[in-house]
Every structure is written in structure tokens, then in C-alpha cells.
Amino acid sequence: MAAALASASLLASCGPEVPAHQNGAPDGKTVYRQHCVICHGADGTLALNGAADLSRSALSFEERIHQIAVGKNTMPPFGGVLKEEEISAVAQYIETLRR
């Protein structure tokens, strides 16, 4: 399990530059696919390595931002990997995964 977490962290920190929308803001879906899909899955329900099922998340927007930035349990912190704007874009995109 430790090897899988190390691999996920390594993969998460090695993603390519994130394309921006035409307005210059990062694309949350693209950031999510580059850094989050490995454990949460494309639709947020994979729950690999203890990851939360994002389709059932009750976290507020602010709580999602905090959790993405500092991590939780086996989820690594992305505050040093992603820019604040990218974290915000991912937090907004995750809202679309809720059912």
C-alpha cells in the first residue's frame, strides 16, 4: 500500500502544465484528471487507496479547498503542487461529480 501511495504522489506531482480556459482560469476538469483521477476515478467514485467517493461528498467549497491543499489520511497535500487557482478550479469541478 505504501508503494501505491508513493507512486500516486509521484504521479500527482509530475503532471504537465495545466491548460487554462479562454478567460485565463485553470480548467478544473483537466487538473482533476491529471492529479485526482488515479484514486478518485473519472466520475469520483473509484475510492482507491481509501479515497473518498466524491459523488457522495458533503464538504463545502471551502472544506474541499482546504482538503485539496493540506490532504487527509492517505491523500497527499497538493498545496505545494498546485496553484491556488488550480485548487479552486478542482474544488469547483468536484461539485459537478455530486449526485
N, C-alpha and C. Protein backbone atom coordinates (compact mmCIF):
# COMPACT_ATOMS: atom_id res chain seq x y z
N MET A 1 0.83 -1.18 0.00
CA MET A 1 0.00 0.00 0.00
C MET A 1 0.88 1.25 0.00
N ALA A 2 1.97 1.23 0.76
CA ALA A 2 2.86 2.39 0.79
C ALA A 2 3.44 2.67 -0.58
N ALA A 3 3.75 1.61 -1.32
CA ALA A 3 4.29 1.79 -2.66
C ALA A 3 3.26 2.44 -3.58
N ALA A 4 2.00 2.03 -3.43
CA ALA A 4 0.94 2.62 -4.25
C ALA A 4 0.76 4.09 -3.93
N LEU A 5 0.85 4.44 -2.64
CA LEU A 5 0.72 5.84 -2.26
C LEU A 5 1.89 6.66 -2.77
N ALA A 6 3.08 6.11 -2.67
CA ALA A 6 4.26 6.81 -3.17
C ALA A 6 4.15 7.03 -4.67
N SER A 7 3.68 6.01 -5.39
CA SER A 7 3.50 6.14 -6.83
C SER A 7 2.47 7.19 -7.17
N ALA A 8 1.37 7.20 -6.42
CA ALA A 8 0.32 8.18 -6.67
C ALA A 8 0.84 9.59 -6.41
N SER A 9 1.59 9.77 -5.32
CA SER A 9 2.14 11.09 -5.01
C SER A 9 3.11 11.53 -6.09
N LEU A 10 3.95 10.61 -6.53
CA LEU A 10 4.92 10.92 -7.56
C LEU A 10 4.22 11.29 -8.87
N LEU A 11 3.23 10.52 -9.25
CA LEU A 11 2.48 10.81 -10.46
C LEU A 11 1.78 12.16 -10.35
N ALA A 12 1.23 12.43 -9.17
CA ALA A 12 0.49 13.66 -8.98
C ALA A 12 1.37 14.88 -9.13
N SER A 13 2.62 14.77 -8.73
CA SER A 13 3.49 15.94 -8.77
C SER A 13 4.21 16.10 -10.10
N CYS A 14 4.04 15.16 -11.01
CA CYS A 14 4.78 15.20 -12.27
C CYS A 14 3.90 15.53 -13.47
N GLY A 15 2.68 15.98 -13.24
CA GLY A 15 1.78 16.26 -14.35
C GLY A 15 2.24 17.43 -15.20
N PRO A 16 1.79 17.47 -16.43
CA PRO A 16 2.15 18.56 -17.34
C PRO A 16 1.48 19.87 -16.94
N GLU A 17 1.91 20.94 -17.56
CA GLU A 17 1.31 22.26 -17.33
C GLU A 17 -0.19 22.17 -17.61
N VAL A 18 -0.99 22.80 -16.76
CA VAL A 18 -2.44 22.74 -16.89
C VAL A 18 -2.93 23.81 -17.85
N PRO A 19 -3.68 23.41 -18.88
CA PRO A 19 -4.22 24.42 -19.80
C PRO A 19 -5.25 25.28 -19.11
N ALA A 20 -5.37 26.50 -19.57
CA ALA A 20 -6.34 27.44 -19.00
C ALA A 20 -7.52 27.59 -19.94
N HIS A 21 -8.66 27.98 -19.34
CA HIS A 21 -9.81 28.36 -20.15
C HIS A 21 -9.44 29.62 -20.93
N GLN A 22 -10.27 30.01 -21.83
CA GLN A 22 -10.02 31.21 -22.61
C GLN A 22 -9.92 32.45 -21.72
N ASN A 23 -10.58 32.45 -20.57
CA ASN A 23 -10.51 33.60 -19.68
C ASN A 23 -9.25 33.59 -18.81
N GLY A 24 -8.39 32.60 -18.99
CA GLY A 24 -7.14 32.52 -18.25
C GLY A 24 -7.21 31.69 -16.98
N ALA A 25 -8.39 31.30 -16.55
CA ALA A 25 -8.54 30.48 -15.35
C ALA A 25 -8.20 29.03 -15.67
N PRO A 26 -7.61 28.31 -14.70
CA PRO A 26 -7.30 26.90 -14.95
C PRO A 26 -8.58 26.07 -15.14
N ASP A 27 -8.49 25.03 -15.91
CA ASP A 27 -9.61 24.12 -16.17
C ASP A 27 -9.63 23.05 -15.08
N GLY A 28 -10.62 23.11 -14.19
CA GLY A 28 -10.71 22.19 -13.07
C GLY A 28 -10.79 20.74 -13.48
N LYS A 29 -11.49 20.45 -14.56
CA LYS A 29 -11.62 19.07 -15.04
C LYS A 29 -10.26 18.54 -15.48
N THR A 30 -9.48 19.35 -16.16
CA THR A 30 -8.16 18.94 -16.61
C THR A 30 -7.23 18.71 -15.42
N VAL A 31 -7.25 19.61 -14.45
CA VAL A 31 -6.43 19.46 -13.25
C VAL A 31 -6.84 18.19 -12.52
N TYR A 32 -8.14 17.97 -12.37
CA TYR A 32 -8.66 16.77 -11.71
C TYR A 32 -8.16 15.52 -12.42
N ARG A 33 -8.24 15.49 -13.73
CA ARG A 33 -7.81 14.30 -14.48
C ARG A 33 -6.32 14.06 -14.37
N GLN A 34 -5.54 15.11 -14.21
CA GLN A 34 -4.09 14.96 -14.09
C GLN A 34 -3.65 14.54 -12.69
N HIS A 35 -4.38 14.94 -11.66
CA HIS A 35 -3.90 14.74 -10.30
C HIS A 35 -4.81 13.91 -9.40
N CYS A 36 -6.08 13.78 -9.72
CA CYS A 36 -7.04 13.18 -8.78
C CYS A 36 -7.63 11.86 -9.27
N VAL A 37 -7.70 11.69 -10.58
CA VAL A 37 -8.40 10.56 -11.16
C VAL A 37 -7.78 9.22 -10.77
N ILE A 38 -6.49 9.18 -10.48
CA ILE A 38 -5.80 7.93 -10.15
C ILE A 38 -6.43 7.26 -8.91
N CYS A 39 -6.90 8.05 -7.95
CA CYS A 39 -7.52 7.48 -6.76
C CYS A 39 -9.03 7.67 -6.71
N HIS A 40 -9.53 8.80 -7.25
CA HIS A 40 -10.96 9.09 -7.17
C HIS A 40 -11.73 8.61 -8.39
N GLY A 41 -11.04 8.31 -9.49
CA GLY A 41 -11.71 7.86 -10.70
C GLY A 41 -12.30 9.01 -11.50
N ALA A 42 -12.61 8.75 -12.76
CA ALA A 42 -13.12 9.78 -13.66
C ALA A 42 -14.43 10.39 -13.18
N ASP A 43 -15.27 9.56 -12.54
CA ASP A 43 -16.56 10.07 -12.07
C ASP A 43 -16.60 10.32 -10.57
N GLY A 44 -15.43 10.19 -9.91
CA GLY A 44 -15.33 10.46 -8.47
C GLY A 44 -15.68 9.31 -7.57
N THR A 45 -16.00 8.13 -8.13
CA THR A 45 -16.48 7.01 -7.32
C THR A 45 -15.49 5.86 -7.13
N LEU A 46 -14.28 5.97 -7.65
CA LEU A 46 -13.33 4.86 -7.61
C LEU A 46 -12.93 4.47 -6.18
N ALA A 47 -12.64 5.43 -5.33
CA ALA A 47 -12.30 5.21 -3.93
C ALA A 47 -11.11 4.27 -3.75
N LEU A 48 -10.08 4.43 -4.56
CA LEU A 48 -8.86 3.62 -4.46
C LEU A 48 -7.99 4.14 -3.32
N ASN A 49 -7.31 3.25 -2.63
CA ASN A 49 -6.41 3.61 -1.52
C ASN A 49 -7.11 4.41 -0.43
N GLY A 50 -8.39 4.16 -0.20
CA GLY A 50 -9.12 4.86 0.84
C GLY A 50 -9.64 6.23 0.44
N ALA A 51 -9.56 6.56 -0.84
CA ALA A 51 -10.05 7.86 -1.32
C ALA A 51 -11.56 7.95 -1.14
N ALA A 52 -12.04 9.14 -0.87
CA ALA A 52 -13.47 9.36 -0.69
C ALA A 52 -14.22 9.23 -2.01
N ASP A 53 -15.46 8.79 -1.92
CA ASP A 53 -16.36 8.78 -3.07
C ASP A 53 -16.88 10.21 -3.21
N LEU A 54 -16.36 10.93 -4.18
CA LEU A 54 -16.69 12.35 -4.33
C LEU A 54 -18.13 12.59 -4.76
N SER A 55 -18.79 11.57 -5.30
CA SER A 55 -20.18 11.74 -5.69
C SER A 55 -21.09 11.85 -4.47
N ARG A 56 -20.57 11.44 -3.31
CA ARG A 56 -21.35 11.49 -2.07
C ARG A 56 -20.79 12.52 -1.08
N SER A 57 -19.84 13.31 -1.50
CA SER A 57 -19.20 14.27 -0.61
C SER A 57 -20.18 15.35 -0.15
N ALA A 58 -20.12 15.64 1.13
CA ALA A 58 -20.96 16.70 1.70
C ALA A 58 -20.11 17.91 2.08
N LEU A 59 -18.83 17.92 1.68
CA LEU A 59 -17.96 19.03 2.02
C LEU A 59 -18.39 20.31 1.31
N SER A 60 -18.23 21.43 2.00
CA SER A 60 -18.49 22.73 1.38
C SER A 60 -17.34 23.06 0.44
N PHE A 61 -17.52 24.09 -0.35
CA PHE A 61 -16.47 24.53 -1.28
C PHE A 61 -15.19 24.85 -0.50
N GLU A 62 -15.30 25.57 0.60
CA GLU A 62 -14.14 25.94 1.40
C GLU A 62 -13.48 24.70 2.00
N GLU A 63 -14.27 23.74 2.46
CA GLU A 63 -13.71 22.50 3.01
C GLU A 63 -12.98 21.70 1.92
N ARG A 64 -13.51 21.69 0.71
CA ARG A 64 -12.83 20.99 -0.39
C ARG A 64 -11.49 21.65 -0.69
N ILE A 65 -11.47 22.98 -0.74
CA ILE A 65 -10.21 23.69 -0.98
C ILE A 65 -9.19 23.32 0.09
N HIS A 66 -9.60 23.36 1.33
CA HIS A 66 -8.69 23.03 2.44
C HIS A 66 -8.16 21.61 2.32
N GLN A 67 -9.04 20.66 2.05
CA GLN A 67 -8.63 19.26 1.96
C GLN A 67 -7.69 19.02 0.79
N ILE A 68 -7.95 19.65 -0.34
CA ILE A 68 -7.06 19.50 -1.50
C ILE A 68 -5.69 20.07 -1.16
N ALA A 69 -5.66 21.21 -0.50
CA ALA A 69 -4.40 21.87 -0.18
C ALA A 69 -3.57 21.13 0.86
N VAL A 70 -4.21 20.62 1.92
CA VAL A 70 -3.44 20.01 3.02
C VAL A 70 -3.51 18.49 3.04
N GLY A 71 -4.41 17.90 2.26
CA GLY A 71 -4.55 16.44 2.23
C GLY A 71 -5.34 15.93 3.43
N LYS A 72 -5.55 14.62 3.44
CA LYS A 72 -6.25 13.98 4.55
C LYS A 72 -6.02 12.48 4.45
N ASN A 73 -5.68 11.88 5.57
CA ASN A 73 -5.40 10.44 5.63
C ASN A 73 -4.37 10.07 4.55
N THR A 74 -4.74 9.24 3.58
CA THR A 74 -3.78 8.81 2.55
C THR A 74 -3.68 9.79 1.38
N MET A 75 -4.55 10.81 1.35
CA MET A 75 -4.49 11.80 0.27
C MET A 75 -3.34 12.77 0.55
N PRO A 76 -2.42 12.89 -0.41
CA PRO A 76 -1.31 13.83 -0.20
C PRO A 76 -1.77 15.28 -0.33
N PRO A 77 -1.04 16.20 0.30
CA PRO A 77 -1.38 17.62 0.13
C PRO A 77 -0.95 18.10 -1.25
N PHE A 78 -1.80 18.89 -1.88
CA PHE A 78 -1.49 19.43 -3.20
C PHE A 78 -1.19 20.92 -3.14
N GLY A 79 -1.12 21.49 -1.93
CA GLY A 79 -0.82 22.90 -1.78
C GLY A 79 0.53 23.29 -2.35
N GLY A 80 1.49 22.39 -2.34
CA GLY A 80 2.81 22.66 -2.89
C GLY A 80 2.94 22.24 -4.34
N VAL A 81 1.92 21.58 -4.87
CA VAL A 81 1.95 21.08 -6.24
C VAL A 81 1.12 21.96 -7.17
N LEU A 82 -0.05 22.35 -6.69
CA LEU A 82 -0.97 23.15 -7.50
C LEU A 82 -1.02 24.59 -7.03
N LYS A 83 -1.29 25.49 -7.94
CA LYS A 83 -1.50 26.90 -7.61
C LYS A 83 -2.87 27.03 -6.95
N GLU A 84 -3.06 28.12 -6.20
CA GLU A 84 -4.35 28.36 -5.54
C GLU A 84 -5.50 28.34 -6.54
N GLU A 85 -5.28 28.91 -7.72
CA GLU A 85 -6.33 28.96 -8.74
C GLU A 85 -6.68 27.56 -9.24
N GLU A 86 -5.68 26.68 -9.32
CA GLU A 86 -5.92 25.30 -9.75
C GLU A 86 -6.70 24.53 -8.69
N ILE A 87 -6.34 24.74 -7.42
CA ILE A 87 -7.06 24.10 -6.32
C ILE A 87 -8.52 24.54 -6.32
N SER A 88 -8.75 25.82 -6.50
CA SER A 88 -10.11 26.35 -6.55
C SER A 88 -10.88 25.76 -7.74
N ALA A 89 -10.22 25.65 -8.88
CA ALA A 89 -10.87 25.08 -10.08
C ALA A 89 -11.25 23.62 -9.85
N VAL A 90 -10.38 22.86 -9.20
CA VAL A 90 -10.69 21.45 -8.90
C VAL A 90 -11.86 21.38 -7.92
N ALA A 91 -11.84 22.22 -6.90
CA ALA A 91 -12.94 22.22 -5.92
C ALA A 91 -14.27 22.53 -6.59
N GLN A 92 -14.26 23.44 -7.57
CA GLN A 92 -15.48 23.74 -8.31
C GLN A 92 -15.89 22.56 -9.18
N TYR A 93 -14.93 21.93 -9.84
CA TYR A 93 -15.23 20.79 -10.71
C TYR A 93 -15.82 19.63 -9.91
N ILE A 94 -15.31 19.39 -8.73
CA ILE A 94 -15.79 18.28 -7.90
C ILE A 94 -17.29 18.41 -7.63
N GLU A 95 -17.78 19.63 -7.56
CA GLU A 95 -19.21 19.86 -7.37
C GLU A 95 -20.03 19.18 -8.47
N THR A 96 -19.50 19.12 -9.68
CA THR A 96 -20.22 18.51 -10.80
C THR A 96 -20.29 16.99 -10.67
N LEU A 97 -19.48 16.40 -9.81
CA LEU A 97 -19.47 14.95 -9.63
C LEU A 97 -20.49 14.48 -8.61
N ARG A 98 -21.04 15.41 -7.84
CA ARG A 98 -22.03 15.03 -6.81
C ARG A 98 -23.31 14.56 -7.46
N ARG A 99 -23.95 13.61 -6.79
CA ARG A 99 -25.24 13.08 -7.29
C ARG A 99 -26.35 13.47 -6.38
